[in-house]
N, C-alpha and C. Protein backbone atom coordinates (compact mmCIF):
# COMPACT_ATOMS: atom_id res chain seq x y z
N MET A 1 39.02 21.71 128.69
CA MET A 1 38.22 22.38 127.28
C MET A 1 39.17 22.76 126.39
N PRO A 2 39.90 22.61 125.52
CA PRO A 2 40.96 23.76 124.43
C PRO A 2 39.87 24.47 124.55
N VAL A 3 40.76 26.22 124.15
CA VAL A 3 40.54 27.26 123.83
C VAL A 3 40.35 27.34 122.39
N THR A 4 39.63 28.05 122.05
CA THR A 4 39.44 28.61 120.64
C THR A 4 39.88 29.18 120.11
N THR A 5 41.08 30.06 118.94
CA THR A 5 41.24 31.50 119.05
C THR A 5 40.27 31.69 117.67
N THR A 6 40.12 32.27 117.19
CA THR A 6 39.57 32.93 116.23
C THR A 6 39.98 34.15 115.58
N ARG A 7 40.49 34.04 114.69
CA ARG A 7 41.29 35.10 113.61
C ARG A 7 40.54 35.56 113.00
N GLN A 8 40.77 36.87 113.01
CA GLN A 8 40.37 37.12 112.09
C GLN A 8 41.76 39.14 111.23
N ARG A 9 41.23 38.69 109.93
CA ARG A 9 41.71 39.23 108.90
C ARG A 9 41.81 40.05 109.54
N LYS A 10 43.15 41.66 109.09
CA LYS A 10 42.59 42.97 108.64
C LYS A 10 42.24 43.62 107.21
N LYS A 11 41.91 43.90 106.97
CA LYS A 11 41.67 44.12 105.12
C LYS A 11 42.83 45.05 104.72
N SER A 12 43.44 44.17 104.35
CA SER A 12 44.45 45.39 103.40
C SER A 12 44.50 46.53 102.98
N PHE A 13 44.95 47.57 102.45
CA PHE A 13 45.63 49.04 102.06
C PHE A 13 44.80 48.64 100.76
N LEU A 14 45.14 47.62 99.50
CA LEU A 14 45.90 46.66 98.56
C LEU A 14 44.25 46.57 98.83
N ARG A 15 44.07 45.85 98.53
CA ARG A 15 42.79 45.51 98.86
C ARG A 15 41.87 46.14 98.46
N ARG A 16 41.32 47.10 99.06
CA ARG A 16 40.59 48.70 99.00
C ARG A 16 40.99 49.19 97.84
N LEU A 17 41.73 49.21 97.29
CA LEU A 17 42.20 49.50 95.70
C LEU A 17 41.77 48.62 94.64
N ILE A 18 40.81 47.68 94.37
CA ILE A 18 41.54 46.89 93.88
C ILE A 18 39.97 46.88 92.78
N ILE A 19 38.53 47.15 92.90
CA ILE A 19 37.78 47.57 92.58
C ILE A 19 37.73 48.95 92.04
N PRO A 20 37.86 49.53 92.19
CA PRO A 20 38.64 51.22 92.28
C PRO A 20 38.95 51.53 90.74
N SER A 21 40.64 50.32 90.77
CA SER A 21 41.54 50.51 89.86
C SER A 21 40.72 49.54 89.07
N VAL A 22 40.34 48.89 88.51
CA VAL A 22 39.87 47.88 87.55
C VAL A 22 38.68 49.37 87.18
N ALA A 23 37.43 50.12 88.14
CA ALA A 23 36.60 50.59 87.28
C ALA A 23 37.76 52.01 86.68
N THR A 24 38.46 52.50 87.32
CA THR A 24 39.01 53.44 86.42
C THR A 24 39.79 53.62 85.70
N ALA A 25 40.77 52.28 85.46
CA ALA A 25 40.81 51.96 83.96
C ALA A 25 39.71 51.51 82.97
N VAL A 26 38.28 50.59 83.15
CA VAL A 26 37.20 51.05 82.25
C VAL A 26 37.14 52.04 81.45
N LEU A 27 37.31 53.54 82.85
CA LEU A 27 36.60 53.90 82.32
C LEU A 27 37.98 55.19 81.24
N ALA A 28 38.83 54.70 81.32
CA ALA A 28 40.43 55.23 80.93
C ALA A 28 40.02 54.81 79.36
N TYR A 29 40.05 53.50 79.30
CA TYR A 29 39.73 52.62 78.09
C TYR A 29 38.29 52.99 77.83
N PHE A 30 37.21 53.25 77.59
CA PHE A 30 36.45 53.89 77.13
C PHE A 30 35.83 55.22 76.98
N GLY A 31 36.88 55.89 77.37
CA GLY A 31 36.62 57.19 77.61
C GLY A 31 38.02 57.52 76.13
N PHE A 32 39.17 56.71 76.14
CA PHE A 32 40.06 56.99 74.93
C PHE A 32 39.04 56.63 74.09
N HIS A 33 38.32 55.43 73.75
CA HIS A 33 37.70 55.10 72.40
C HIS A 33 37.18 56.37 72.68
N ALA A 34 36.03 57.22 73.10
CA ALA A 34 34.69 57.82 72.28
C ALA A 34 36.02 58.91 72.26
N LEU A 35 37.17 59.03 72.56
CA LEU A 35 38.23 60.34 71.89
C LEU A 35 38.82 60.30 70.34
N ASN A 36 39.60 59.49 70.34
CA ASN A 36 40.50 58.39 69.37
C ASN A 36 40.35 57.63 69.06
N GLY A 37 38.99 56.74 68.80
CA GLY A 37 38.82 55.93 68.58
C GLY A 37 38.17 55.53 66.57
N GLU A 38 37.91 55.23 66.08
CA GLU A 38 37.61 55.33 64.58
C GLU A 38 36.30 55.99 64.10
N PHE A 39 35.22 55.67 65.60
CA PHE A 39 34.44 56.39 65.57
C PHE A 39 34.10 57.57 65.97
N GLY A 40 35.02 58.18 67.48
CA GLY A 40 35.04 59.15 68.25
C GLY A 40 34.57 60.36 67.73
N LEU A 41 35.33 61.33 68.56
CA LEU A 41 34.79 62.37 68.31
C LEU A 41 36.39 62.86 67.16
N VAL A 42 38.02 62.37 67.22
CA VAL A 42 38.46 63.00 65.98
C VAL A 42 37.82 61.83 65.27
N GLY A 43 37.32 60.75 64.79
CA GLY A 43 37.22 60.00 64.26
C GLY A 43 36.03 61.16 63.09
N ARG A 44 35.21 61.46 63.72
CA ARG A 44 34.13 61.75 63.11
C ARG A 44 34.31 62.89 62.36
N ALA A 45 35.05 64.10 62.98
CA ALA A 45 35.10 65.22 61.96
C ALA A 45 36.74 63.97 60.94
N ARG A 46 37.04 63.28 60.36
CA ARG A 46 38.39 62.73 59.67
C ARG A 46 36.90 61.74 58.65
N ILE A 47 35.07 61.40 59.03
CA ILE A 47 34.73 60.78 58.40
C ILE A 47 33.63 61.92 57.59
N GLU A 48 33.48 62.87 58.38
CA GLU A 48 33.10 64.32 57.36
C GLU A 48 34.34 64.74 57.16
N ARG A 49 35.50 65.49 56.58
CA ARG A 49 35.93 65.35 56.16
C ARG A 49 36.60 65.19 55.06
N GLU A 50 36.10 63.25 54.91
CA GLU A 50 36.39 62.49 54.06
C GLU A 50 34.41 62.41 52.75
N VAL A 51 34.19 62.78 53.55
CA VAL A 51 32.68 63.08 52.49
C VAL A 51 32.33 64.58 51.48
N ALA A 52 33.21 65.46 52.84
CA ALA A 52 33.03 66.45 51.91
C ALA A 52 33.59 66.58 50.68
N ASP A 53 35.35 65.51 50.62
CA ASP A 53 35.80 65.23 49.76
C ASP A 53 35.32 64.20 48.69
N LEU A 54 34.41 63.47 49.16
CA LEU A 54 33.81 63.05 48.66
C LEU A 54 32.61 62.91 47.18
N GLN A 55 31.60 64.24 48.54
CA GLN A 55 30.14 65.35 47.63
C GLN A 55 30.93 65.97 46.53
N SER A 56 31.97 66.20 46.78
CA SER A 56 32.88 67.76 45.63
C SER A 56 33.52 66.76 44.90
N GLN A 57 33.66 64.57 44.99
CA GLN A 57 34.29 64.13 44.03
C GLN A 57 32.93 63.70 42.77
N LEU A 58 32.30 64.09 43.86
CA LEU A 58 30.74 62.91 42.69
C LEU A 58 30.25 65.14 42.44
N ASP A 59 30.27 66.91 43.32
CA ASP A 59 29.83 67.19 41.71
C ASP A 59 30.00 67.41 41.19
N LYS A 60 31.95 67.62 40.83
CA LYS A 60 32.61 67.30 39.56
C LYS A 60 32.16 66.45 38.70
N LEU A 61 32.38 65.21 38.73
CA LEU A 61 31.77 64.07 38.35
C LEU A 61 30.29 64.70 37.94
N VAL A 62 28.95 65.02 38.82
CA VAL A 62 28.21 64.77 37.37
C VAL A 62 27.56 66.37 37.43
N ALA A 63 28.30 66.65 37.30
CA ALA A 63 28.96 68.01 35.90
C ALA A 63 29.30 67.47 35.12
N GLU A 64 29.83 66.94 34.59
CA GLU A 64 30.94 66.48 34.15
C GLU A 64 30.13 65.25 32.97
N ARG A 65 28.94 64.00 33.74
CA ARG A 65 28.25 64.24 33.07
C ARG A 65 26.63 64.69 32.56
N GLN A 66 26.54 65.34 33.02
CA GLN A 66 26.16 66.47 32.14
C GLN A 66 26.15 67.24 30.85
N GLU A 67 27.41 67.78 30.67
CA GLU A 67 28.25 68.09 29.71
C GLU A 67 28.14 67.10 28.64
N LEU A 68 28.63 66.01 28.74
CA LEU A 68 28.85 64.50 28.25
C LEU A 68 27.19 64.23 27.83
N THR A 69 26.29 64.40 27.62
CA THR A 69 25.13 64.00 27.80
C THR A 69 25.14 65.39 27.13
N ALA A 70 24.60 66.52 27.15
CA ALA A 70 24.34 67.36 26.26
C ALA A 70 25.06 67.25 24.47
N ARG A 71 25.91 66.73 24.45
CA ARG A 71 27.06 66.90 23.49
C ARG A 71 26.47 65.57 23.06
N VAL A 72 26.62 65.26 23.62
CA VAL A 72 25.91 63.61 23.04
C VAL A 72 24.34 63.44 22.83
N SER A 73 23.52 63.93 23.37
CA SER A 73 22.09 65.05 22.42
C SER A 73 22.74 65.45 20.71
N LEU A 74 23.61 66.09 21.07
CA LEU A 74 24.01 66.96 19.69
C LEU A 74 23.68 66.24 18.39
N LEU A 75 24.10 65.03 19.06
CA LEU A 75 24.81 64.30 17.96
C LEU A 75 23.82 63.44 17.37
N ARG A 76 22.77 63.14 17.79
CA ARG A 76 20.87 61.99 17.84
C ARG A 76 21.27 62.76 16.50
N PRO A 77 20.57 61.10 15.49
CA PRO A 77 19.48 61.45 14.47
C PRO A 77 18.57 63.14 14.68
N GLU A 78 17.07 63.02 15.41
CA GLU A 78 16.55 63.83 15.67
C GLU A 78 16.88 64.72 15.94
N SER A 79 18.43 65.06 16.44
CA SER A 79 18.29 66.25 16.91
C SER A 79 19.18 66.85 16.33
N LEU A 80 20.45 66.68 15.42
CA LEU A 80 21.64 67.34 15.08
C LEU A 80 22.32 68.63 14.61
N ASP A 81 23.06 68.67 14.96
CA ASP A 81 23.94 70.37 15.24
C ASP A 81 24.67 70.04 14.43
N PRO A 82 24.60 71.39 12.89
CA PRO A 82 25.85 71.31 11.73
C PRO A 82 26.91 71.66 12.62
N ASP A 83 26.45 72.36 13.54
CA ASP A 83 28.28 73.38 14.15
C ASP A 83 28.41 71.97 15.05
N MET A 84 28.00 71.50 16.47
CA MET A 84 28.56 69.74 16.31
C MET A 84 29.01 68.88 15.24
N ILE A 85 28.47 68.55 13.96
CA ILE A 85 28.98 67.92 12.93
C ILE A 85 29.63 68.30 12.19
N ASP A 86 30.60 69.13 12.08
CA ASP A 86 31.85 70.83 11.22
C ASP A 86 32.33 70.17 12.55
N GLU A 87 32.45 69.94 14.26
CA GLU A 87 33.79 69.95 14.78
C GLU A 87 34.45 68.88 14.73
N ARG A 88 33.48 67.72 15.02
CA ARG A 88 34.36 66.26 15.19
C ARG A 88 34.17 66.22 14.36
N ALA A 89 34.08 66.29 12.19
CA ALA A 89 34.56 66.07 11.24
C ALA A 89 35.56 66.20 11.66
N ARG A 90 35.70 68.42 11.83
CA ARG A 90 37.85 68.90 11.20
C ARG A 90 38.40 67.71 12.34
N LEU A 91 37.44 67.67 13.66
CA LEU A 91 38.70 66.84 14.64
C LEU A 91 39.02 64.97 13.78
N ASN A 92 38.71 64.83 13.82
CA ASN A 92 38.34 62.97 12.86
C ASN A 92 39.41 63.32 12.54
N LEU A 93 38.90 63.87 11.55
CA LEU A 93 39.46 64.02 9.89
C LEU A 93 40.80 65.30 9.84
N ASN A 94 41.23 65.90 11.26
CA ASN A 94 42.52 66.79 11.26
C ASN A 94 42.12 67.83 9.63
N LEU A 95 40.87 68.16 9.61
CA LEU A 95 41.03 69.27 8.33
C LEU A 95 40.99 70.21 9.15
N SER A 96 40.63 71.61 7.59
CA SER A 96 40.12 73.08 7.74
C SER A 96 39.85 72.70 6.86
N GLN A 97 40.08 74.49 6.17
CA GLN A 97 39.00 75.23 5.54
C GLN A 97 40.47 76.46 4.57
N ALA A 98 40.75 76.97 3.57
CA ALA A 98 42.36 77.35 3.67
C ALA A 98 41.74 79.29 4.41
N ASN A 99 40.74 79.09 4.07
CA ASN A 99 40.73 80.78 4.90
C ASN A 99 41.37 80.55 6.83
N GLU A 100 41.13 79.30 7.09
CA GLU A 100 41.24 79.36 8.96
C GLU A 100 42.34 79.04 9.08
N LEU A 101 42.58 79.62 10.10
CA LEU A 101 44.43 79.75 10.95
C LEU A 101 44.53 78.41 11.51
N THR A 102 44.96 76.83 11.74
CA THR A 102 45.12 76.05 12.15
C THR A 102 46.31 76.68 13.44
N ILE A 103 45.69 75.85 14.61
CA ILE A 103 46.54 76.34 15.78
C ILE A 103 47.23 74.75 16.13
N LEU A 104 48.34 74.20 16.53
CA LEU A 104 48.47 72.75 16.73
C LEU A 104 48.84 73.06 18.51
N ARG A 105 47.88 71.68 19.11
CA ARG A 105 48.28 72.15 20.63
C ARG A 105 47.76 70.63 20.88
N PRO A 106 48.98 70.20 21.54
CA PRO A 106 49.44 68.22 22.12
C PRO A 106 47.79 68.25 22.70
N ARG A 107 47.52 67.00 22.26
CA ARG A 107 45.92 67.21 23.56
C ARG A 107 46.86 66.55 25.07
N PRO A 108 45.56 66.70 26.48
CA PRO A 108 46.24 66.05 27.09
C PRO A 108 45.86 64.41 26.78
N LEU A 109 46.19 63.86 28.49
CA LEU A 109 46.75 61.86 28.35
C LEU A 109 45.41 61.41 28.30
N GLN A 110 45.14 62.20 28.61
CA GLN A 110 42.75 61.63 29.07
C GLN A 110 42.47 61.94 27.58
N GLN A 111 42.47 62.36 26.75
CA GLN A 111 41.89 62.51 25.54
C GLN A 111 42.10 62.29 24.22
N GLN A 112 43.23 61.15 25.12
CA GLN A 112 43.49 60.75 23.49
C GLN A 112 43.60 58.97 23.01
N HIS A 113 43.60 59.23 21.86
CA HIS A 113 41.88 57.80 22.08
C HIS A 113 42.71 56.66 20.89
């Protein structure tokens, strides 16, 4: 009868490191993106800064709109303000009275029409 031998392989050192290495790589990947990703801790601070900037712009625009709305309401027929009519007429027609001093200033580029 022939003698059969069984071989047992000794587990190599590298084979035992495969699963911990893969797990470490996956944890490092997700850890990096939790800190530096678009929605990570650094990204959240950037988003909060953008929100604050946009909120300040919104506040300025709301205040400007309220001011313009108030000025337009003074020009409505039911609530005409004589001072507002005088101001608009002088501005548009470039008129002044004889006893007034006129100071000419260039208009900013935004307000020129």
